[in-house]
Each structure stands twice: as structure tokens, then as C-alpha cells.
Amino acid sequence: MATMVAGSNAALTAENPGLGGVMVAMGWQIVPSNGPQSELTSLAIVCGEDGRALSPEHLVFFNQLTTAGGGVRFTGGEEGAPGATHDQEQIDVEFGLIPAEVAKIAFLAYVDPEVRGPGTFGAVRSAYIRLARPDGSELLRFDVPELHGDRIKAMMFGELYRHRDDWKFRALGQGYENGLAGVSRDFGLDL
């Protein structure tokens, strides 16, 4: 297993021949408070060469569980399951089902203002994204730095992207102070 830092890249399929897909898991802890607590929601955005979502149907989250063709599939979290790593959210990616026009898949989490009111990443600790083989063995992990969380309302944890005929992963930890509005603008979505 490799531990990554922000901005680093890791080869997946080139260094793991026969790897047909990965489980992308995201996790975090929320510091309890007496007032409203931040509630995070994760999502994956499937993008073309221009870095923007191919269409609104290329957004995967709890209310839209899969892309057409099933290449990217939201599976929820496994917290509390036997042997679980306490991931909050899991998204399965099957490389063979990803259309050729897909250049990258971005993995984000945002503070959902509709669940418990407005909030920030200020109460979020130990956020991470990890990639594992279908058998559950971990390939890599990125622990997201806790920087200016009191101003951040959405966070891009990382992205899978094509490099020639292979898939790679880039660790990012890019925060959005403007939350879903910034994500919508960057990815060409109406969120």
C-alpha cells in the first residue's frame, strides 16, 4: 500500500496488470458539537477531456447510484460491517465499462446544508480517500490535510484519470470555500 501526499500521482493499471477496477472509499470523522453538525455527502463526477462532467447523468451519489453502463457505481458505506474499515462512502469503478470519452473521474465531498443547516469542514477530522482492489486489499491511501477547514464547504479528495491506455490516481485535497456553487462552475453542472 502506498501513502500519498497532495499533488502526487500513482499508476494503477500499469503497475497492477489485470486490475479491472477499484473500490474508491472515502472516510472522515466529525467532531461532536452542541449545535448543528456538518453532514458530508460524497459524489463522483465523470468528466471528458475538458475536465467537465459529460452530462448530468455522469454524476454519481446517493440519489443517482450509477452511470449508464454501470462503470461507476455508488455502493454507500460499510461502517459497522464485519471487518469494515469504517469508510463513510464507497464507489466502485470498473475500468472496462468506462466509455472511451471519459478522461477522469473526480471524487468529492460537500457539506450538505439541507440535512443539518449550513456548515464547513471545520469539524471534519481524519478525512481520507483510499483505493482498493476488488478483493479489498488496499492499493493506496491519501489523508487529506486539515487546512482552513472553517472556510471550506466542499473538498475534492482526488481523481482517477486516463494516461494513454492506463488509469492513474492523483491525490488533491482541493477545498472549495463556495461549496457546491464552485463545484458546479468547475464541472459544468447545475447542482
C-alpha atoms as a PDB file:
ATOM      1  CA  MET A   1       0.000   0.000   0.000  1.00  0.00           C
ATOM      2  CA  ALA A   2       1.271   3.484  -0.876  1.00  0.00           C
ATOM      3  CA  THR A   3       0.573   6.597   1.172  1.00  0.00           C
ATOM      4  CA  MET A   4       0.229   9.702  -0.966  1.00  0.00           C
ATOM      5  CA  VAL A   5       0.662  13.444  -0.472  1.00  0.00           C
ATOM      6  CA  ALA A   6      -1.332  16.247  -2.106  1.00  0.00           C
ATOM      7  CA  GLY A   7      -0.447  16.607  -5.780  1.00  0.00           C
ATOM      8  CA  SER A   8       1.158  13.190  -6.122  1.00  0.00           C
ATOM      9  CA  ASN A   9       0.191  10.629  -8.780  1.00  0.00           C
ATOM     10  CA  ALA A  10       0.168   6.842  -8.703  1.00  0.00           C
ATOM     11  CA  ALA A  11      -0.032   4.383 -11.587  1.00  0.00           C
ATOM     12  CA  LEU A  12      -2.777   1.804 -11.117  1.00  0.00           C
ATOM     13  CA  THR A  13      -3.217  -0.447 -14.140  1.00  0.00           C
ATOM     14  CA  ALA A  14       0.384  -0.122 -15.392  1.00  0.00           C
ATOM     15  CA  GLU A  15       1.764  -1.366 -12.065  1.00  0.00           C
ATOM     16  CA  ASN A  16      -1.033  -3.864 -11.403  1.00  0.00           C
ATOM     17  CA  PRO A  17      -1.536  -5.906 -14.594  1.00  0.00           C
ATOM     18  CA  GLY A  18      -5.007  -7.361 -14.824  1.00  0.00           C
ATOM     19  CA  LEU A  19      -6.541  -4.783 -12.473  1.00  0.00           C
ATOM     20  CA  GLY A  20     -10.063  -4.445 -13.850  1.00  0.00           C
ATOM     21  CA  GLY A  21     -11.375  -1.909 -11.370  1.00  0.00           C
ATOM     22  CA  VAL A  22     -11.078  -0.381  -7.935  1.00  0.00           C
ATOM     23  CA  MET A  23     -13.182   0.390  -4.921  1.00  0.00           C
ATOM     24  CA  VAL A  24     -12.787   4.069  -4.035  1.00  0.00           C
ATOM     25  CA  ALA A  25     -13.554   4.672  -0.362  1.00  0.00           C
ATOM     26  CA  MET A  26     -13.810   7.977   1.462  1.00  0.00           C
ATOM     27  CA  GLY A  27     -13.947   8.469   5.192  1.00  0.00           C
ATOM     28  CA  TRP A  28     -13.826  11.134   7.889  1.00  0.00           C
ATOM     29  CA  GLN A  29     -14.740  11.904  11.459  1.00  0.00           C
ATOM     30  CA  ILE A  30     -17.000  14.750  12.585  1.00  0.00           C
ATOM     31  CA  VAL A  31     -16.125  16.434  15.894  1.00  0.00           C
ATOM     32  CA  PRO A  32     -19.313  16.465  18.016  1.00  0.00           C
ATOM     33  CA  SER A  33     -20.760  19.841  18.911  1.00  0.00           C
ATOM     34  CA  ASN A  34     -23.702  21.195  20.871  1.00  0.00           C
ATOM     35  CA  GLY A  35     -25.074  22.994  17.826  1.00  0.00           C
ATOM     36  CA  PRO A  36     -25.764  21.870  14.264  1.00  0.00           C
ATOM     37  CA  GLN A  37     -23.176  19.412  12.981  1.00  0.00           C
ATOM     38  CA  SER A  38     -21.830  19.313   9.457  1.00  0.00           C
ATOM     39  CA  GLU A  39     -23.156  16.427   7.375  1.00  0.00           C
ATOM     40  CA  LEU A  40     -20.908  15.403   4.479  1.00  0.00           C
ATOM     41  CA  THR A  41     -22.167  13.919   1.233  1.00  0.00           C
ATOM     42  CA  SER A  42     -19.832  12.314  -1.273  1.00  0.00           C
ATOM     43  CA  LEU A  43     -20.090  12.234  -5.044  1.00  0.00           C
ATOM     44  CA  ALA A  44     -18.177  11.207  -8.140  1.00  0.00           C
ATOM     45  CA  ILE A  45     -18.191  13.260 -11.338  1.00  0.00           C
ATOM     46  CA  VAL A  46     -17.341  11.540 -14.630  1.00  0.00           C
ATOM     47  CA  CYS A  47     -15.585  14.018 -16.941  1.00  0.00           C
ATOM     48  CA  GLY A  48     -14.447  14.406 -20.527  1.00  0.00           C
ATOM     49  CA  GLU A  49     -11.173  15.824 -21.866  1.00  0.00           C
ATOM     50  CA  ASP A  50     -12.252  19.365 -20.935  1.00  0.00           C
ATOM     51  CA  GLY A  51     -12.475  18.414 -17.239  1.00  0.00           C
ATOM     52  CA  ARG A  52     -16.236  18.977 -17.140  1.00  0.00           C
ATOM     53  CA  ALA A  53     -19.000  16.444 -16.493  1.00  0.00           C
ATOM     54  CA  LEU A  54     -20.071  14.664 -19.668  1.00  0.00           C
ATOM     55  CA  SER A  55     -23.723  15.223 -18.679  1.00  0.00           C
ATOM     56  CA  PRO A  56     -25.890  15.454 -15.533  1.00  0.00           C
ATOM     57  CA  GLU A  57     -26.205  11.651 -15.757  1.00  0.00           C
ATOM     58  CA  HIS A  58     -22.447  11.393 -15.174  1.00  0.00           C
ATOM     59  CA  LEU A  59     -22.793  12.402 -11.539  1.00  0.00           C
ATOM     60  CA  VAL A  60     -22.877   9.510  -9.039  1.00  0.00           C
ATOM     61  CA  PHE A  61     -24.124   9.977  -5.470  1.00  0.00           C
ATOM     62  CA  PHE A  62     -26.760   8.645  -3.035  1.00  0.00           C
ATOM     63  CA  ASN A  63     -29.637   9.794  -5.267  1.00  0.00           C
ATOM     64  CA  GLN A  64     -28.166   8.628  -8.611  1.00  0.00           C
ATOM     65  CA  LEU A  65     -26.388   5.368  -7.861  1.00  0.00           C
ATOM     66  CA  THR A  66     -24.738   4.559 -11.184  1.00  0.00           C
ATOM     67  CA  THR A  67     -23.718   5.878 -14.563  1.00  0.00           C
ATOM     68  CA  ALA A  68     -25.221   4.472 -17.745  1.00  0.00           C
ATOM     69  CA  GLY A  69     -23.400   1.217 -18.389  1.00  0.00           C
ATOM     70  CA  GLY A  70     -22.566   0.771 -14.703  1.00  0.00           C
ATOM     71  CA  GLY A  71     -18.873   1.685 -14.873  1.00  0.00           C
ATOM     72  CA  VAL A  72     -19.113   3.951 -11.819  1.00  0.00           C
ATOM     73  CA  ARG A  73     -21.426   2.759  -9.042  1.00  0.00           C
ATOM     74  CA  PHE A  74     -22.184   4.254  -5.635  1.00  0.00           C
ATOM     75  CA  THR A  75     -22.256   1.476  -3.043  1.00  0.00           C
ATOM     76  CA  GLY A  76     -22.615   3.543   0.137  1.00  0.00           C
ATOM     77  CA  GLY A  77     -20.545   2.945   3.249  1.00  0.00           C
ATOM     78  CA  GLU A  78     -19.528  -0.198   5.025  1.00  0.00           C
ATOM     79  CA  GLU A  79     -19.345   1.189   8.540  1.00  0.00           C
ATOM     80  CA  GLY A  80     -20.352  -1.423  11.079  1.00  0.00           C
ATOM     81  CA  ALA A  81     -19.964  -4.378   8.717  1.00  0.00           C
ATOM     82  CA  PRO A  82     -17.703  -7.239   9.831  1.00  0.00           C
ATOM     83  CA  GLY A  83     -14.088  -6.404   9.017  1.00  0.00           C
ATOM     84  CA  ALA A  84     -15.057  -2.927   7.816  1.00  0.00           C
ATOM     85  CA  THR A  85     -12.527  -0.128   7.737  1.00  0.00           C
ATOM     86  CA  HIS A  86     -15.210   2.397   8.725  1.00  0.00           C
ATOM     87  CA  ASP A  87     -15.380   4.047   5.322  1.00  0.00           C
ATOM     88  CA  GLN A  88     -18.193   6.566   5.143  1.00  0.00           C
ATOM     89  CA  GLU A  89     -18.753   6.085   1.413  1.00  0.00           C
ATOM     90  CA  GLN A  90     -17.663   3.650  -1.279  1.00  0.00           C
ATOM     91  CA  ILE A  91     -17.813   3.940  -5.051  1.00  0.00           C
ATOM     92  CA  ASP A  92     -16.897   1.048  -7.335  1.00  0.00           C
ATOM     93  CA  VAL A  93     -15.187   1.760 -10.652  1.00  0.00           C
ATOM     94  CA  GLU A  94     -14.970  -0.939 -13.327  1.00  0.00           C
ATOM     95  CA  PHE A  95     -12.458   0.220 -15.925  1.00  0.00           C
ATOM     96  CA  GLY A  96     -13.783  -1.986 -18.743  1.00  0.00           C
ATOM     97  CA  LEU A  97     -17.209  -0.341 -18.533  1.00  0.00           C
ATOM     98  CA  ILE A  98     -15.911   3.252 -18.674  1.00  0.00           C
ATOM     99  CA  PRO A  99     -16.580   4.763 -22.136  1.00  0.00           C
ATOM    100  CA  ALA A 100     -13.594   5.976 -24.171  1.00  0.00           C
ATOM    101  CA  GLU A 101     -14.690   9.639 -23.943  1.00  0.00           C
ATOM    102  CA  VAL A 102     -14.145   9.630 -20.159  1.00  0.00           C
ATOM    103  CA  ALA A 103     -10.843  11.293 -19.257  1.00  0.00           C
ATOM    104  CA  LYS A 104     -11.198  11.420 -15.473  1.00  0.00           C
ATOM    105  CA  ILE A 105     -13.447  10.712 -12.511  1.00  0.00           C
ATOM    106  CA  ALA A 106     -13.335  13.240  -9.655  1.00  0.00           C
ATOM    107  CA  PHE A 107     -14.214  12.251  -6.068  1.00  0.00           C
ATOM    108  CA  LEU A 108     -15.591  14.960  -3.798  1.00  0.00           C
ATOM    109  CA  ALA A 109     -17.472  15.535  -0.557  1.00  0.00           C
ATOM    110  CA  TYR A 110     -19.527  18.569   0.380  1.00  0.00           C
ATOM    111  CA  VAL A 111     -21.304  19.852   3.445  1.00  0.00           C
ATOM    112  CA  ASP A 112     -24.988  19.246   2.789  1.00  0.00           C
ATOM    113  CA  PRO A 113     -26.864  22.340   4.005  1.00  0.00           C
ATOM    114  CA  GLU A 114     -30.219  20.615   3.516  1.00  0.00           C
ATOM    115  CA  VAL A 115     -29.521  17.976   6.182  1.00  0.00           C
ATOM    116  CA  ARG A 116     -28.397  19.953   9.228  1.00  0.00           C
ATOM    117  CA  GLY A 117     -28.065  23.535   8.034  1.00  0.00           C
ATOM    118  CA  PRO A 118     -25.009  25.370   6.733  1.00  0.00           C
ATOM    119  CA  GLY A 119     -21.627  24.141   7.862  1.00  0.00           C
ATOM    120  CA  THR A 120     -17.987  23.761   6.921  1.00  0.00           C
ATOM    121  CA  PHE A 121     -15.161  21.245   7.068  1.00  0.00           C
ATOM    122  CA  GLY A 122     -14.090  22.907  10.347  1.00  0.00           C
ATOM    123  CA  ALA A 123     -15.460  19.956  12.331  1.00  0.00           C
ATOM    124  CA  VAL A 124     -14.071  17.337   9.919  1.00  0.00           C
ATOM    125  CA  ARG A 125     -11.037  15.364  11.054  1.00  0.00           C
ATOM    126  CA  SER A 126      -9.058  12.455   9.625  1.00  0.00           C
ATOM    127  CA  ALA A 127     -10.544  12.722   6.115  1.00  0.00           C
ATOM    128  CA  TYR A 128      -9.091  10.273   3.610  1.00  0.00           C
ATOM    129  CA  ILE A 129      -9.584   8.582   0.277  1.00  0.00           C
ATOM    130  CA  ARG A 130      -8.269   5.104  -0.399  1.00  0.00           C
ATOM    131  CA  LEU A 131      -8.303   2.772  -3.378  1.00  0.00           C
ATOM    132  CA  ALA A 132      -8.564  -0.988  -3.029  1.00  0.00           C
ATOM    133  CA  ARG A 133      -8.647  -3.992  -5.330  1.00  0.00           C
ATOM    134  CA  PRO A 134     -11.966  -5.845  -5.717  1.00  0.00           C
ATOM    135  CA  ASP A 135     -10.717  -8.362  -3.090  1.00  0.00           C
ATOM    136  CA  GLY A 136     -10.404  -5.499  -0.578  1.00  0.00           C
ATOM    137  CA  SER A 137      -6.600  -5.264  -0.460  1.00  0.00           C
ATOM    138  CA  GLU A 138      -5.565  -1.624  -0.341  1.00  0.00           C
ATOM    139  CA  LEU A 139      -3.571  -0.115  -3.211  1.00  0.00           C
ATOM    140  CA  LEU A 140      -3.105   3.442  -1.924  1.00  0.00           C
ATOM    141  CA  ARG A 141      -4.328   5.979   0.593  1.00  0.00           C
ATOM    142  CA  PHE A 142      -4.356   9.767   0.790  1.00  0.00           C
ATOM    143  CA  ASP A 143      -5.001  11.508   4.110  1.00  0.00           C
ATOM    144  CA  VAL A 144      -6.496  14.899   3.263  1.00  0.00           C
ATOM    145  CA  PRO A 145      -4.671  17.788   5.034  1.00  0.00           C
ATOM    146  CA  GLU A 146      -6.741  19.818   7.500  1.00  0.00           C
ATOM    147  CA  LEU A 147      -6.208  23.302   6.084  1.00  0.00           C
ATOM    148  CA  HIS A 148      -8.595  26.208   6.702  1.00  0.00           C
ATOM    149  CA  GLY A 149     -11.497  23.800   7.205  1.00  0.00           C
ATOM    150  CA  ASP A 150     -13.611  26.504   8.816  1.00  0.00           C
ATOM    151  CA  ARG A 151     -13.911  28.170   5.380  1.00  0.00           C
ATOM    152  CA  ILE A 152     -14.221  25.039   3.209  1.00  0.00           C
ATOM    153  CA  LYS A 153     -17.693  23.801   2.194  1.00  0.00           C
ATOM    154  CA  ALA A 154     -16.671  21.202  -0.416  1.00  0.00           C
ATOM    155  CA  MET A 155     -13.483  19.220  -0.990  1.00  0.00           C
ATOM    156  CA  MET A 156     -12.094  17.359  -3.988  1.00  0.00           C
ATOM    157  CA  PHE A 157     -10.267  14.413  -2.427  1.00  0.00           C
ATOM    158  CA  GLY A 158      -8.713  13.066  -5.633  1.00  0.00           C
ATOM    159  CA  GLU A 159      -9.280  11.818  -9.162  1.00  0.00           C
ATOM    160  CA  LEU A 160      -8.823   8.754 -11.324  1.00  0.00           C
ATOM    161  CA  TYR A 161      -7.605   9.696 -14.783  1.00  0.00           C
ATOM    162  CA  ARG A 162      -6.546   8.103 -18.041  1.00  0.00           C
ATOM    163  CA  HIS A 163      -2.922   8.220 -19.053  1.00  0.00           C
ATOM    164  CA  ARG A 164      -2.651   6.734 -22.523  1.00  0.00           C
ATOM    165  CA  ASP A 165      -4.188   3.239 -22.114  1.00  0.00           C
ATOM    166  CA  ASP A 166      -3.756   3.122 -18.351  1.00  0.00           C
ATOM    167  CA  TRP A 167      -5.506   4.507 -15.271  1.00  0.00           C
ATOM    168  CA  LYS A 168      -3.740   6.598 -12.639  1.00  0.00           C
ATOM    169  CA  PHE A 169      -4.813   8.326  -9.435  1.00  0.00           C
ATOM    170  CA  ARG A 170      -3.988  11.887  -8.341  1.00  0.00           C
ATOM    171  CA  ALA A 171      -4.281  12.955  -4.685  1.00  0.00           C
ATOM    172  CA  LEU A 172      -5.650  16.510  -4.470  1.00  0.00           C
ATOM    173  CA  GLY A 173      -7.248  17.806  -1.257  1.00  0.00           C
ATOM    174  CA  GLN A 174      -8.569  20.884  -3.086  1.00  0.00           C
ATOM    175  CA  GLY A 175     -11.064  22.849  -0.989  1.00  0.00           C
ATOM    176  CA  TYR A 176     -13.959  24.995  -2.205  1.00  0.00           C
ATOM    177  CA  GLU A 177     -14.946  27.914   0.007  1.00  0.00           C
ATOM    178  CA  ASN A 178     -18.007  28.451  -2.207  1.00  0.00           C
ATOM    179  CA  GLY A 179     -19.154  24.819  -1.811  1.00  0.00           C
ATOM    180  CA  LEU A 180     -21.410  23.307  -4.444  1.00  0.00           C
ATOM    181  CA  ALA A 181     -21.518  26.589  -6.400  1.00  0.00           C
ATOM    182  CA  GLY A 182     -17.776  26.275  -7.054  1.00  0.00           C
ATOM    183  CA  VAL A 183     -18.041  22.580  -7.873  1.00  0.00           C
ATOM    184  CA  SER A 184     -20.934  23.307 -10.259  1.00  0.00           C
ATOM    185  CA  ARG A 185     -18.951  26.024 -12.023  1.00  0.00           C
ATOM    186  CA  ASP A 186     -15.782  23.936 -12.385  1.00  0.00           C
ATOM    187  CA  PHE A 187     -17.559  20.810 -13.637  1.00  0.00           C
ATOM    188  CA  GLY A 188     -20.331  22.426 -15.700  1.00  0.00           C
ATOM    189  CA  LEU A 189     -23.193  21.057 -13.612  1.00  0.00           C
ATOM    190  CA  ASP A 190     -26.353  22.548 -12.129  1.00  0.00           C
ATOM    191  CA  LEU A 191     -26.132  21.399  -8.503  1.00  0.00           C
END
